[in-house]
């Protein structure tokens, strides 16, 4: 099982997946966006990677957390 959400937004990923298998089937399970944002920020903060406040991160998210 893979759970890396960045695969959904990277431009080259679909072509790479197709190159591995033309018959692959993908199943996506998406989370509530609010819960996901809070969880992502909490994880970044726990690892010392949150560069700004949660409020600033979600209201001015041009480059990610």
PDB file of N, CA and C in Angstrom:
ATOM      1  N   UNK A   1       0.842  -1.177   0.000  1.00  0.00           N
ATOM      2  CA  UNK A   1       0.000   0.000   0.000  1.00  0.00           C
ATOM      3  C   UNK A   1       0.885   1.237   0.000  1.00  0.00           C
ATOM      4  N   UNK A   2       0.572   2.161  -0.858  1.00  0.00           N
ATOM      5  CA  UNK A   2       1.307   3.423  -0.943  1.00  0.00           C
ATOM      6  C   UNK A   2       0.413   4.542  -0.446  1.00  0.00           C
ATOM      7  N   UNK A   3       0.988   5.497   0.235  1.00  0.00           N
ATOM      8  CA  UNK A   3       0.166   6.588   0.762  1.00  0.00           C
ATOM      9  C   UNK A   3       0.802   7.957   0.581  1.00  0.00           C
ATOM     10  N   UNK A   4       1.541   8.146  -0.460  1.00  0.00           N
ATOM     11  CA  UNK A   4       2.195   9.417  -0.703  1.00  0.00           C
ATOM     12  C   UNK A   4       1.287  10.336  -1.511  1.00  0.00           C
ATOM     13  N   UNK A   5       0.695  11.362  -0.886  1.00  0.00           N
ATOM     14  CA  UNK A   5      -0.254  12.211  -1.606  1.00  0.00           C
ATOM     15  C   UNK A   5       0.377  13.066  -2.694  1.00  0.00           C
ATOM     16  N   UNK A   6       1.671  13.295  -2.620  1.00  0.00           N
ATOM     17  CA  UNK A   6       2.302  14.150  -3.637  1.00  0.00           C
ATOM     18  C   UNK A   6       2.261  13.518  -5.019  1.00  0.00           C
ATOM     19  N   UNK A   7       2.052  12.201  -5.096  1.00  0.00           N
ATOM     20  CA  UNK A   7       1.942  11.559  -6.410  1.00  0.00           C
ATOM     21  C   UNK A   7       0.769  12.115  -7.209  1.00  0.00           C
ATOM     22  N   UNK A   8      -0.244  12.602  -6.521  1.00  0.00           N
ATOM     23  CA  UNK A   8      -1.439  13.093  -7.205  1.00  0.00           C
ATOM     24  C   UNK A   8      -1.208  14.409  -7.933  1.00  0.00           C
ATOM     25  N   UNK A   9      -0.200  15.147  -7.550  1.00  0.00           N
ATOM     26  CA  UNK A   9      -0.008  16.478  -8.127  1.00  0.00           C
ATOM     27  C   UNK A   9       1.281  16.629  -8.932  1.00  0.00           C
ATOM     28  N   UNK A  10       2.077  15.605  -9.007  1.00  0.00           N
ATOM     29  CA  UNK A  10       3.322  15.693  -9.780  1.00  0.00           C
ATOM     30  C   UNK A  10       3.070  15.362 -11.241  1.00  0.00           C
ATOM     31  N   UNK A  11       3.533  16.223 -12.100  1.00  0.00           N
ATOM     32  CA  UNK A  11       3.228  16.154 -13.529  1.00  0.00           C
ATOM     33  C   UNK A  11       3.683  14.862 -14.207  1.00  0.00           C
ATOM     34  N   UNK A  12       4.824  14.332 -13.828  1.00  0.00           N
ATOM     35  CA  UNK A  12       5.378  13.167 -14.529  1.00  0.00           C
ATOM     36  C   UNK A  12       4.863  11.819 -14.036  1.00  0.00           C
ATOM     37  N   UNK A  13       4.177  11.801 -12.924  1.00  0.00           N
ATOM     38  CA  UNK A  13       3.769  10.533 -12.320  1.00  0.00           C
ATOM     39  C   UNK A  13       2.849   9.693 -13.202  1.00  0.00           C
ATOM     40  N   UNK A  14       1.782  10.243 -13.797  1.00  0.00           N
ATOM     41  CA  UNK A  14       0.909   9.389 -14.617  1.00  0.00           C
ATOM     42  C   UNK A  14       1.651   8.644 -15.728  1.00  0.00           C
ATOM     43  N   UNK A  15       2.565   9.307 -16.411  1.00  0.00           N
ATOM     44  CA  UNK A  15       3.326   8.650 -17.483  1.00  0.00           C
ATOM     45  C   UNK A  15       4.228   7.553 -16.924  1.00  0.00           C
ATOM     46  N   UNK A  16       4.807   7.777 -15.758  1.00  0.00           N
ATOM     47  CA  UNK A  16       5.676   6.765 -15.150  1.00  0.00           C
ATOM     48  C   UNK A  16       4.882   5.542 -14.721  1.00  0.00           C
ATOM     49  N   UNK A  17       3.692   5.759 -14.167  1.00  0.00           N
ATOM     50  CA  UNK A  17       2.834   4.637 -13.767  1.00  0.00           C
ATOM     51  C   UNK A  17       2.438   3.840 -14.997  1.00  0.00           C
ATOM     52  N   UNK A  18       2.052   4.528 -16.040  1.00  0.00           N
ATOM     53  CA  UNK A  18       1.648   3.852 -17.276  1.00  0.00           C
ATOM     54  C   UNK A  18       2.811   3.068 -17.883  1.00  0.00           C
ATOM     55  N   UNK A  19       4.018   3.592 -17.795  1.00  0.00           N
ATOM     56  CA  UNK A  19       5.188   2.889 -18.328  1.00  0.00           C
ATOM     57  C   UNK A  19       5.444   1.585 -17.571  1.00  0.00           C
ATOM     58  N   UNK A  20       5.108   1.559 -16.293  1.00  0.00           N
ATOM     59  CA  UNK A  20       5.298   0.343 -15.501  1.00  0.00           C
ATOM     60  C   UNK A  20       4.271  -0.722 -15.856  1.00  0.00           C
ATOM     61  N   UNK A  21       3.040  -0.288 -16.117  1.00  0.00           N
ATOM     62  CA  UNK A  21       1.975  -1.239 -16.442  1.00  0.00           C
ATOM     63  C   UNK A  21       0.824  -0.500 -17.111  1.00  0.00           C
ATOM     64  N   UNK A  22       0.512  -0.910 -18.321  1.00  0.00           N
ATOM     65  CA  UNK A  22      -0.586  -0.262 -19.043  1.00  0.00           C
ATOM     66  C   UNK A  22      -1.954  -0.723 -18.542  1.00  0.00           C
ATOM     67  N   UNK A  23      -1.991  -1.759 -17.727  1.00  0.00           N
ATOM     68  CA  UNK A  23      -3.276  -2.266 -17.232  1.00  0.00           C
ATOM     69  C   UNK A  23      -3.501  -1.981 -15.745  1.00  0.00           C
ATOM     70  N   UNK A  24      -2.638  -1.192 -15.158  1.00  0.00           N
ATOM     71  CA  UNK A  24      -2.752  -0.904 -13.730  1.00  0.00           C
ATOM     72  C   UNK A  24      -4.062  -0.175 -13.430  1.00  0.00           C
ATOM     73  N   UNK A  25      -4.634  -0.493 -12.295  1.00  0.00           N
ATOM     74  CA  UNK A  25      -5.834   0.179 -11.797  1.00  0.00           C
ATOM     75  C   UNK A  25      -5.455   0.877 -10.492  1.00  0.00           C
ATOM     76  N   UNK A  26      -5.821   2.114 -10.371  1.00  0.00           N
ATOM     77  CA  UNK A  26      -5.512   2.875  -9.167  1.00  0.00           C
ATOM     78  C   UNK A  26      -6.781   3.099  -8.360  1.00  0.00           C
ATOM     79  N   UNK A  27      -6.645   2.996  -7.057  1.00  0.00           N
ATOM     80  CA  UNK A  27      -7.749   3.280  -6.149  1.00  0.00           C
ATOM     81  C   UNK A  27      -7.295   4.437  -5.263  1.00  0.00           C
ATOM     82  N   UNK A  28      -8.027   5.523  -5.310  1.00  0.00           N
ATOM     83  CA  UNK A  28      -7.691   6.689  -4.499  1.00  0.00           C
ATOM     84  C   UNK A  28      -8.711   6.834  -3.386  1.00  0.00           C
ATOM     85  N   UNK A  29      -8.210   7.005  -2.185  1.00  0.00           N
ATOM     86  CA  UNK A  29      -9.063   7.274  -1.041  1.00  0.00           C
ATOM     87  C   UNK A  29      -8.661   8.656  -0.548  1.00  0.00           C
ATOM     88  N   UNK A  30      -9.564   9.598  -0.674  1.00  0.00           N
ATOM     89  CA  UNK A  30      -9.260  10.982  -0.323  1.00  0.00           C
ATOM     90  C   UNK A  30      -9.846  11.339   1.033  1.00  0.00           C
ATOM     91  N   UNK A  31      -9.104  12.154   1.777  1.00  0.00           N
ATOM     92  CA  UNK A  31      -9.551  12.583   3.101  1.00  0.00           C
ATOM     93  C   UNK A  31     -10.280  13.915   3.027  1.00  0.00           C
ATOM     94  N   UNK A  32     -10.988  14.216   4.091  1.00  0.00           N
ATOM     95  CA  UNK A  32     -11.594  15.532   4.236  1.00  0.00           C
ATOM     96  C   UNK A  32     -10.468  16.570   4.185  1.00  0.00           C
ATOM     97  N   UNK A  33     -10.583  17.600   3.344  1.00  0.00           N
ATOM     98  CA  UNK A  33      -9.478  18.548   3.173  1.00  0.00           C
ATOM     99  C   UNK A  33      -9.085  19.293   4.448  1.00  0.00           C
ATOM    100  N   UNK A  34     -10.048  19.593   5.307  1.00  0.00           N
ATOM    101  CA  UNK A  34      -9.722  20.299   6.548  1.00  0.00           C
ATOM    102  C   UNK A  34      -8.927  19.399   7.482  1.00  0.00           C
ATOM    103  N   UNK A  35      -9.393  18.179   7.661  1.00  0.00           N
ATOM    104  CA  UNK A  35      -8.677  17.216   8.496  1.00  0.00           C
ATOM    105  C   UNK A  35      -7.286  16.964   7.941  1.00  0.00           C
ATOM    106  N   UNK A  36      -7.179  16.864   6.643  1.00  0.00           N
ATOM    107  CA  UNK A  36      -5.898  16.617   5.983  1.00  0.00           C
ATOM    108  C   UNK A  36      -4.925  17.767   6.224  1.00  0.00           C
ATOM    109  N   UNK A  37      -5.403  19.013   6.120  1.00  0.00           N
ATOM    110  CA  UNK A  37      -4.544  20.182   6.331  1.00  0.00           C
ATOM    111  C   UNK A  37      -4.036  20.245   7.766  1.00  0.00           C
ATOM    112  N   UNK A  38      -4.925  19.993   8.722  1.00  0.00           N
ATOM    113  CA  UNK A  38      -4.530  20.012  10.132  1.00  0.00           C
ATOM    114  C   UNK A  38      -3.511  18.913  10.406  1.00  0.00           C
ATOM    115  N   UNK A  39      -3.752  17.723   9.896  1.00  0.00           N
ATOM    116  CA  UNK A  39      -2.845  16.598  10.092  1.00  0.00           C
ATOM    117  C   UNK A  39      -1.477  16.864   9.471  1.00  0.00           C
ATOM    118  N   UNK A  40      -1.471  17.401   8.252  1.00  0.00           N
ATOM    119  CA  UNK A  40      -0.207  17.686   7.571  1.00  0.00           C
ATOM    120  C   UNK A  40       0.600  18.726   8.339  1.00  0.00           C
ATOM    121  N   UNK A  41      -0.074  19.757   8.825  1.00  0.00           N
ATOM    122  CA  UNK A  41       0.619  20.793   9.586  1.00  0.00           C
ATOM    123  C   UNK A  41       1.163  20.230  10.898  1.00  0.00           C
ATOM    124  N   UNK A  42       0.358  19.439  11.598  1.00  0.00           N
ATOM    125  CA  UNK A  42       0.799  18.855  12.869  1.00  0.00           C
ATOM    126  C   UNK A  42       2.019  17.966  12.663  1.00  0.00           C
ATOM    127  N   UNK A  43       2.022  17.207  11.580  1.00  0.00           N
ATOM    128  CA  UNK A  43       3.169  16.347  11.292  1.00  0.00           C
ATOM    129  C   UNK A  43       4.409  17.185  10.981  1.00  0.00           C
ATOM    130  N   UNK A  44       4.242  18.220  10.168  1.00  0.00           N
ATOM    131  CA  UNK A  44       5.374  19.094   9.845  1.00  0.00           C
ATOM    132  C   UNK A  44       5.903  19.776  11.104  1.00  0.00           C
ATOM    133  N   UNK A  45       5.005  20.256  11.956  1.00  0.00           N
ATOM    134  CA  UNK A  45       5.411  20.930  13.190  1.00  0.00           C
ATOM    135  C   UNK A  45       6.150  19.979  14.126  1.00  0.00           C
ATOM    136  N   UNK A  46       5.690  18.734  14.219  1.00  0.00           N
ATOM    137  CA  UNK A  46       6.339  17.768  15.111  1.00  0.00           C
ATOM    138  C   UNK A  46       7.751  17.420  14.653  1.00  0.00           C
ATOM    139  N   UNK A  47       8.020  17.622  13.371  1.00  0.00           N
ATOM    140  CA  UNK A  47       9.354  17.344  12.826  1.00  0.00           C
ATOM    141  C   UNK A  47      10.174  18.616  12.634  1.00  0.00           C
ATOM    142  N   UNK A  48       9.654  19.741  13.132  1.00  0.00           N
ATOM    143  CA  UNK A  48      10.372  21.006  13.034  1.00  0.00           C
ATOM    144  C   UNK A  48      10.378  21.613  11.642  1.00  0.00           C
ATOM    145  N   UNK A  49       9.443  21.214  10.797  1.00  0.00           N
ATOM    146  CA  UNK A  49       9.423  21.714   9.420  1.00  0.00           C
ATOM    147  C   UNK A  49       8.361  22.776   9.168  1.00  0.00           C
ATOM    148  N   UNK A  50       7.565  23.127  10.153  1.00  0.00           N
ATOM    149  CA  UNK A  50       6.544  24.167   9.969  1.00  0.00           C
ATOM    150  C   UNK A  50       7.241  25.520  10.059  1.00  0.00           C
ATOM    151  N   UNK A  51       7.302  26.215   8.946  1.00  0.00           N
ATOM    152  CA  UNK A  51       8.035  27.479   8.892  1.00  0.00           C
ATOM    153  C   UNK A  51       7.190  28.678   9.302  1.00  0.00           C
ATOM    154  N   UNK A  52       5.890  28.499   9.389  1.00  0.00           N
ATOM    155  CA  UNK A  52       5.000  29.604   9.750  1.00  0.00           C
ATOM    156  C   UNK A  52       3.787  29.054  10.486  1.00  0.00           C
ATOM    157  N   UNK A  53       2.926  29.937  10.942  1.00  0.00           N
ATOM    158  CA  UNK A  53       1.758  29.499  11.713  1.00  0.00           C
ATOM    159  C   UNK A  53       0.791  28.711  10.834  1.00  0.00           C
ATOM    160  N   UNK A  54      -0.063  27.931  11.480  1.00  0.00           N
ATOM    161  CA  UNK A  54      -1.068  27.166  10.737  1.00  0.00           C
ATOM    162  C   UNK A  54      -1.976  28.108   9.959  1.00  0.00           C
ATOM    163  N   UNK A  55      -2.440  29.165  10.602  1.00  0.00           N
ATOM    164  CA  UNK A  55      -3.338  30.111   9.937  1.00  0.00           C
ATOM    165  C   UNK A  55      -2.686  30.688   8.683  1.00  0.00           C
ATOM    166  N   UNK A  56      -1.443  31.108   8.785  1.00  0.00           N
ATOM    167  CA  UNK A  56      -0.752  31.661   7.615  1.00  0.00           C
ATOM    168  C   UNK A  56      -0.559  30.592   6.543  1.00  0.00           C
ATOM    169  N   UNK A  57      -0.284  29.386   6.950  1.00  0.00           N
ATOM    170  CA  UNK A  57      -0.080  28.298   5.988  1.00  0.00           C
ATOM    171  C   UNK A  57      -1.324  28.013   5.161  1.00  0.00           C
ATOM    172  N   UNK A  58      -2.487  28.036   5.788  1.00  0.00           N
ATOM    173  CA  UNK A  58      -3.706  27.694   5.049  1.00  0.00           C
ATOM    174  C   UNK A  58      -4.330  28.879   4.331  1.00  0.00           C
ATOM    175  N   UNK A  59      -3.995  30.094   4.725  1.00  0.00           N
ATOM    176  CA  UNK A  59      -4.578  31.254   4.049  1.00  0.00           C
ATOM    177  C   UNK A  59      -3.684  31.805   2.951  1.00  0.00           C
ATOM    178  N   UNK A  60      -2.409  31.472   2.967  1.00  0.00           N
ATOM    179  CA  UNK A  60      -1.481  31.962   1.949  1.00  0.00           C
ATOM    180  C   UNK A  60      -0.586  30.811   1.513  1.00  0.00           C
ATOM    181  N   UNK A  61      -1.189  29.771   0.965  1.00  0.00           N
ATOM    182  CA  UNK A  61      -0.455  28.547   0.655  1.00  0.00           C
ATOM    183  C   UNK A  61       0.006  28.521  -0.801  1.00  0.00           C
ATOM    184  N   UNK A  62       0.994  29.340  -1.125  1.00  0.00           N
ATOM    185  CA  UNK A  62       1.526  29.361  -2.487  1.00  0.00           C
ATOM    186  C   UNK A  62       2.633  28.333  -2.682  1.00  0.00           C
ATOM    187  N   UNK A  63       3.355  28.030  -1.629  1.00  0.00           N
ATOM    188  CA  UNK A  63       4.489  27.118  -1.758  1.00  0.00           C
ATOM    189  C   UNK A  63       4.403  25.925  -0.824  1.00  0.00           C
ATOM    190  N   UNK A  64       3.301  25.715  -0.178  1.00  0.00           N
ATOM    191  CA  UNK A  64       3.167  24.600   0.754  1.00  0.00           C
ATOM    192  C   UNK A  64       3.616  24.983   2.139  1.00  0.00           C
ATOM    193  N   UNK A  65       3.506  24.051   3.051  1.00  0.00           N
ATOM    194  CA  UNK A  65       3.885  24.287   4.437  1.00  0.00           C
ATOM    195  C   UNK A  65       5.373  24.242   4.532  1.00  0.00           C
TER     196      UNK A  65
END
